[in-house]
Amino acid sequence: MNADDNAQHWRDPQDDSDASIVTAPLLQRVQDSLRRLAPELAGAPLGARSREDSSLRVHACHGRLRELEVLRDALLALRVQHADLEPRQIVVMAPDIQAYAPLLPAVFGTPW
C-alpha cells in the first residue's frame, strides 16, 4: 500500500464536496486539505474574493523582535477592524515559543 492508497483508505466518502472549496476562505481550504488528506484542495483556484481574504496570514520578518512587532501591529489592526473580536479567538503559532519569551515585554509591555 503506497501513500496515495493509504490516504484514499482514510478519506471520508461523505467529505468529498469540493464544489464550495473555491469560495471558502483560505484558512478553511487549508484545514479541509489537511483533514481530507488532499493537498490539491489548498492549491485549488482562488475565488474572486481572494484579495480580501484575511483568514490566514503569513509574515516574513528578519528577526524575532521584528516578528513580534509585526504581530502587535496586526493584532491592533484586527481589534480596530473587528471590535467584537475576543483574545480567545486568536491563535499565534511559533516553532519555539520560548525563544520569544524574553522579547515579549519589549513589544507588548509587562502583563502586570
N, C-alpha and C. Protein backbone atom coordinates (compact mmCIF):
# COMPACT_ATOMS: atom_id res chain seq x y z
N MET A 1 0.85 -1.17 0.00
CA MET A 1 0.00 0.00 0.00
C MET A 1 0.90 1.24 0.00
N ASN A 2 0.77 2.08 -1.02
CA ASN A 2 1.57 3.30 -1.07
C ASN A 2 0.84 4.45 -0.37
N ALA A 3 1.46 5.62 -0.35
CA ALA A 3 0.90 6.76 0.38
C ALA A 3 -0.46 7.19 -0.18
N ASP A 4 -0.62 7.15 -1.51
CA ASP A 4 -1.91 7.54 -2.10
C ASP A 4 -3.02 6.57 -1.73
N ASP A 5 -2.69 5.28 -1.72
CA ASP A 5 -3.68 4.28 -1.31
C ASP A 5 -4.07 4.47 0.15
N ASN A 6 -3.08 4.76 0.97
CA ASN A 6 -3.33 4.98 2.40
C ASN A 6 -4.23 6.19 2.60
N ALA A 7 -3.95 7.28 1.90
CA ALA A 7 -4.78 8.49 2.01
C ALA A 7 -6.19 8.20 1.55
N GLN A 8 -6.33 7.45 0.45
CA GLN A 8 -7.65 7.11 -0.07
C GLN A 8 -8.40 6.25 0.94
N HIS A 9 -7.70 5.35 1.61
CA HIS A 9 -8.31 4.47 2.60
C HIS A 9 -8.93 5.27 3.75
N TRP A 10 -8.27 6.35 4.18
CA TRP A 10 -8.72 7.11 5.34
C TRP A 10 -9.68 8.24 4.99
N ARG A 11 -9.92 8.50 3.72
CA ARG A 11 -10.85 9.56 3.33
C ARG A 11 -12.28 9.19 3.65
N ASP A 12 -13.02 10.19 4.05
CA ASP A 12 -14.45 10.02 4.31
C ASP A 12 -15.20 10.28 3.01
N PRO A 13 -15.91 9.29 2.45
CA PRO A 13 -16.60 9.50 1.18
C PRO A 13 -17.66 10.60 1.24
N GLN A 14 -18.20 10.88 2.41
CA GLN A 14 -19.19 11.95 2.54
C GLN A 14 -18.53 13.32 2.59
N ASP A 15 -17.22 13.35 2.67
CA ASP A 15 -16.47 14.59 2.81
C ASP A 15 -15.87 15.03 1.48
N ASP A 16 -16.44 14.62 0.37
CA ASP A 16 -15.89 14.93 -0.94
C ASP A 16 -16.65 16.03 -1.67
N SER A 17 -17.22 16.95 -0.95
CA SER A 17 -17.97 18.04 -1.58
C SER A 17 -17.02 19.18 -1.89
N ASP A 18 -16.31 19.09 -3.01
CA ASP A 18 -15.32 20.08 -3.39
C ASP A 18 -15.93 21.28 -4.12
N ALA A 19 -17.22 21.29 -4.33
CA ALA A 19 -17.86 22.36 -5.09
C ALA A 19 -17.69 23.72 -4.44
N SER A 20 -17.76 23.77 -3.12
CA SER A 20 -17.68 25.06 -2.43
C SER A 20 -16.26 25.44 -2.04
N ILE A 21 -15.28 24.62 -2.37
CA ILE A 21 -13.91 24.89 -1.92
C ILE A 21 -13.35 26.17 -2.54
N VAL A 22 -13.74 26.52 -3.75
CA VAL A 22 -13.22 27.72 -4.40
C VAL A 22 -13.70 28.97 -3.69
N THR A 23 -14.90 28.95 -3.12
CA THR A 23 -15.43 30.13 -2.45
C THR A 23 -15.12 30.15 -0.96
N ALA A 24 -14.54 29.09 -0.43
CA ALA A 24 -14.23 29.02 1.00
C ALA A 24 -13.04 29.91 1.33
N PRO A 25 -12.99 30.46 2.55
CA PRO A 25 -11.81 31.23 2.96
C PRO A 25 -10.56 30.36 2.92
N LEU A 26 -9.41 30.99 2.73
CA LEU A 26 -8.15 30.26 2.58
C LEU A 26 -7.86 29.36 3.78
N LEU A 27 -8.08 29.86 4.99
CA LEU A 27 -7.83 29.04 6.18
C LEU A 27 -8.68 27.77 6.15
N GLN A 28 -9.93 27.89 5.77
CA GLN A 28 -10.80 26.72 5.69
C GLN A 28 -10.31 25.75 4.62
N ARG A 29 -9.80 26.28 3.51
CA ARG A 29 -9.28 25.42 2.45
C ARG A 29 -8.08 24.62 2.93
N VAL A 30 -7.18 25.28 3.66
CA VAL A 30 -6.01 24.57 4.19
C VAL A 30 -6.45 23.52 5.20
N GLN A 31 -7.38 23.89 6.09
CA GLN A 31 -7.88 22.93 7.08
C GLN A 31 -8.54 21.73 6.39
N ASP A 32 -9.38 21.98 5.39
CA ASP A 32 -10.03 20.89 4.66
C ASP A 32 -9.01 20.01 3.96
N SER A 33 -7.98 20.64 3.39
CA SER A 33 -6.94 19.90 2.71
C SER A 33 -6.23 18.94 3.67
N LEU A 34 -5.93 19.42 4.87
CA LEU A 34 -5.29 18.56 5.87
C LEU A 34 -6.24 17.49 6.38
N ARG A 35 -7.46 17.87 6.64
CA ARG A 35 -8.45 16.94 7.18
C ARG A 35 -8.75 15.81 6.19
N ARG A 36 -8.81 16.14 4.91
CA ARG A 36 -9.17 15.15 3.89
C ARG A 36 -7.96 14.44 3.29
N LEU A 37 -6.76 14.81 3.74
CA LEU A 37 -5.54 14.27 3.15
C LEU A 37 -5.52 14.51 1.64
N ALA A 38 -5.90 15.72 1.26
CA ALA A 38 -6.00 16.09 -0.15
C ALA A 38 -5.27 17.41 -0.39
N PRO A 39 -3.94 17.37 -0.59
CA PRO A 39 -3.19 18.62 -0.75
C PRO A 39 -3.64 19.46 -1.93
N GLU A 40 -4.28 18.85 -2.92
CA GLU A 40 -4.72 19.61 -4.09
C GLU A 40 -5.81 20.62 -3.75
N LEU A 41 -6.53 20.44 -2.63
CA LEU A 41 -7.59 21.38 -2.26
C LEU A 41 -7.03 22.74 -1.89
N ALA A 42 -5.91 22.77 -1.20
CA ALA A 42 -5.30 24.05 -0.81
C ALA A 42 -4.81 24.80 -2.04
N GLY A 43 -4.47 24.07 -3.09
CA GLY A 43 -3.98 24.70 -4.31
C GLY A 43 -5.05 24.94 -5.36
N ALA A 44 -6.32 24.73 -5.00
CA ALA A 44 -7.41 24.96 -5.95
C ALA A 44 -7.43 26.43 -6.36
N PRO A 45 -7.97 26.75 -7.53
CA PRO A 45 -8.01 28.15 -7.98
C PRO A 45 -8.68 29.05 -6.94
N LEU A 46 -8.11 30.23 -6.76
CA LEU A 46 -8.67 31.18 -5.81
C LEU A 46 -9.91 31.83 -6.38
N GLY A 47 -10.87 32.09 -5.53
CA GLY A 47 -12.10 32.76 -5.94
C GLY A 47 -11.88 34.25 -6.10
N ALA A 48 -12.91 34.95 -6.50
CA ALA A 48 -12.83 36.39 -6.75
C ALA A 48 -12.55 37.17 -5.47
N ARG A 49 -12.94 36.62 -4.32
CA ARG A 49 -12.77 37.35 -3.05
C ARG A 49 -11.40 37.12 -2.42
N SER A 50 -10.48 36.46 -3.11
CA SER A 50 -9.22 36.07 -2.50
C SER A 50 -8.39 37.25 -2.00
N ARG A 51 -8.46 38.39 -2.66
CA ARG A 51 -7.67 39.55 -2.21
C ARG A 51 -8.16 40.09 -0.87
N GLU A 52 -9.43 39.94 -0.58
CA GLU A 52 -9.99 40.42 0.68
C GLU A 52 -9.90 39.38 1.79
N ASP A 53 -9.50 38.16 1.47
CA ASP A 53 -9.46 37.06 2.44
C ASP A 53 -8.29 37.24 3.40
N SER A 54 -8.59 37.45 4.65
CA SER A 54 -7.53 37.60 5.65
C SER A 54 -7.61 36.49 6.70
N SER A 55 -8.21 35.37 6.32
CA SER A 55 -8.40 34.27 7.28
C SER A 55 -7.09 33.58 7.64
N LEU A 56 -6.08 33.71 6.79
CA LEU A 56 -4.77 33.12 7.03
C LEU A 56 -3.73 34.14 6.60
N ARG A 57 -2.79 34.42 7.48
CA ARG A 57 -1.76 35.40 7.16
C ARG A 57 -0.39 34.81 7.44
N VAL A 58 0.55 35.13 6.57
CA VAL A 58 1.94 34.72 6.75
C VAL A 58 2.79 35.97 6.59
N HIS A 59 3.64 36.23 7.57
CA HIS A 59 4.53 37.39 7.52
C HIS A 59 5.97 36.89 7.55
N ALA A 60 6.82 37.44 6.71
CA ALA A 60 8.24 37.10 6.71
C ALA A 60 9.01 38.29 7.29
N CYS A 61 9.76 38.04 8.35
CA CYS A 61 10.50 39.11 9.03
C CYS A 61 11.95 38.69 9.22
N HIS A 62 12.82 39.67 9.45
CA HIS A 62 14.25 39.40 9.54
C HIS A 62 14.71 38.94 10.92
N GLY A 63 13.87 38.96 11.91
CA GLY A 63 14.27 38.51 13.25
C GLY A 63 13.07 38.37 14.16
N ARG A 64 13.31 37.78 15.33
CA ARG A 64 12.20 37.54 16.26
C ARG A 64 11.58 38.84 16.78
N LEU A 65 12.41 39.82 17.07
CA LEU A 65 11.87 41.09 17.56
C LEU A 65 10.95 41.72 16.51
N ARG A 66 11.39 41.70 15.26
CA ARG A 66 10.55 42.27 14.19
C ARG A 66 9.28 41.45 14.01
N GLU A 67 9.37 40.13 14.16
CA GLU A 67 8.18 39.28 14.07
C GLU A 67 7.14 39.71 15.11
N LEU A 68 7.60 39.97 16.33
CA LEU A 68 6.67 40.38 17.39
C LEU A 68 6.10 41.77 17.13
N GLU A 69 6.90 42.66 16.56
CA GLU A 69 6.39 43.99 16.23
C GLU A 69 5.31 43.91 15.16
N VAL A 70 5.53 43.08 14.15
CA VAL A 70 4.53 42.89 13.10
C VAL A 70 3.28 42.25 13.68
N LEU A 71 3.47 41.28 14.57
CA LEU A 71 2.33 40.64 15.24
C LEU A 71 1.52 41.65 16.03
N ARG A 72 2.19 42.49 16.80
CA ARG A 72 1.49 43.52 17.57
C ARG A 72 0.67 44.43 16.66
N ASP A 73 1.28 44.89 15.58
CA ASP A 73 0.58 45.77 14.64
C ASP A 73 -0.62 45.06 14.00
N ALA A 74 -0.45 43.79 13.65
CA ALA A 74 -1.55 43.02 13.05
C ALA A 74 -2.68 42.82 14.05
N LEU A 75 -2.34 42.54 15.31
CA LEU A 75 -3.38 42.36 16.33
C LEU A 75 -4.13 43.66 16.60
N LEU A 76 -3.41 44.77 16.65
CA LEU A 76 -4.06 46.06 16.85
C LEU A 76 -4.99 46.39 15.68
N ALA A 77 -4.55 46.11 14.46
CA ALA A 77 -5.40 46.35 13.29
C ALA A 77 -6.64 45.47 13.32
N LEU A 78 -6.48 44.22 13.75
CA LEU A 78 -7.64 43.33 13.86
C LEU A 78 -8.66 43.86 14.86
N ARG A 79 -8.17 44.39 15.98
CA ARG A 79 -9.07 44.93 17.01
C ARG A 79 -9.84 46.13 16.48
N VAL A 80 -9.21 46.93 15.63
CA VAL A 80 -9.89 48.08 15.04
C VAL A 80 -10.94 47.61 14.03
N GLN A 81 -10.58 46.64 13.20
CA GLN A 81 -11.48 46.14 12.16
C GLN A 81 -12.63 45.32 12.74
N HIS A 82 -12.37 44.61 13.82
CA HIS A 82 -13.36 43.70 14.41
C HIS A 82 -13.44 43.97 15.91
N ALA A 83 -14.23 44.95 16.30
CA ALA A 83 -14.32 45.35 17.70
C ALA A 83 -14.84 44.23 18.60
N ASP A 84 -15.58 43.29 18.03
CA ASP A 84 -16.14 42.19 18.82
C ASP A 84 -15.17 41.01 18.96
N LEU A 85 -13.99 41.11 18.38
CA LEU A 85 -13.00 40.03 18.45
C LEU A 85 -12.49 39.88 19.88
N GLU A 86 -12.46 38.66 20.35
CA GLU A 86 -12.00 38.37 21.71
C GLU A 86 -10.65 37.66 21.65
N PRO A 87 -9.80 37.85 22.67
CA PRO A 87 -8.48 37.20 22.68
C PRO A 87 -8.55 35.68 22.50
N ARG A 88 -9.59 35.04 22.99
CA ARG A 88 -9.69 33.58 22.87
C ARG A 88 -9.92 33.13 21.42
N GLN A 89 -10.22 34.07 20.53
CA GLN A 89 -10.45 33.75 19.13
C GLN A 89 -9.19 33.88 18.27
N ILE A 90 -8.09 34.23 18.90
CA ILE A 90 -6.84 34.47 18.17
C ILE A 90 -5.83 33.39 18.54
N VAL A 91 -5.17 32.85 17.53
CA VAL A 91 -4.12 31.86 17.75
C VAL A 91 -2.85 32.38 17.09
N VAL A 92 -1.77 32.39 17.85
CA VAL A 92 -0.46 32.76 17.33
C VAL A 92 0.42 31.54 17.50
N MET A 93 1.06 31.12 16.42
CA MET A 93 1.88 29.92 16.48
C MET A 93 3.32 30.24 16.14
N ALA A 94 4.24 29.55 16.80
CA ALA A 94 5.67 29.68 16.54
C ALA A 94 6.32 28.33 16.80
N PRO A 95 7.38 28.00 16.07
CA PRO A 95 8.01 26.70 16.26
C PRO A 95 8.64 26.53 17.64
N ASP A 96 9.15 27.63 18.23
CA ASP A 96 9.77 27.57 19.56
C ASP A 96 9.34 28.82 20.33
N ILE A 97 8.18 28.76 20.94
CA ILE A 97 7.60 29.94 21.59
C ILE A 97 8.47 30.47 22.73
N GLN A 98 9.21 29.59 23.38
CA GLN A 98 10.08 30.02 24.48
C GLN A 98 11.19 30.97 24.00
N ALA A 99 11.58 30.87 22.75
CA ALA A 99 12.61 31.76 22.22
C ALA A 99 12.11 33.20 22.14
N TYR A 100 10.81 33.39 22.12
CA TYR A 100 10.21 34.73 22.04
C TYR A 100 9.94 35.34 23.41
N ALA A 101 9.91 34.52 24.44
CA ALA A 101 9.52 34.97 25.78
C ALA A 101 10.31 36.19 26.27
N PRO A 102 11.64 36.23 26.13
CA PRO A 102 12.37 37.40 26.63
C PRO A 102 12.04 38.70 25.88
N LEU A 103 11.53 38.58 24.66
CA LEU A 103 11.24 39.77 23.85
C LEU A 103 9.83 40.31 24.05
N LEU A 104 8.95 39.51 24.61
CA LEU A 104 7.54 39.91 24.76
C LEU A 104 7.35 41.21 25.53
N PRO A 105 8.01 41.40 26.68
CA PRO A 105 7.81 42.67 27.41
C PRO A 105 8.24 43.91 26.61
N ALA A 106 9.28 43.77 25.79
CA ALA A 106 9.75 44.91 24.99
C ALA A 106 8.72 45.34 23.96
N VAL A 107 7.94 44.40 23.45
CA VAL A 107 6.98 44.71 22.39
C VAL A 107 5.57 44.93 22.95
N PHE A 108 5.16 44.07 23.87
CA PHE A 108 3.79 44.12 24.38
C PHE A 108 3.67 44.74 25.77
N GLY A 109 4.79 45.07 26.41
CA GLY A 109 4.75 45.58 27.77
C GLY A 109 4.65 44.44 28.77
N THR A 110 4.71 44.78 30.03
CA THR A 110 4.60 43.74 31.06
C THR A 110 3.13 43.47 31.36
N PRO A 111 2.78 42.22 31.60
CA PRO A 111 1.37 41.88 31.81
C PRO A 111 0.84 42.28 33.18
N TRP A 112 1.66 42.77 34.06
CA TRP A 112 1.17 43.14 35.40
C TRP A 112 1.33 44.60 35.68
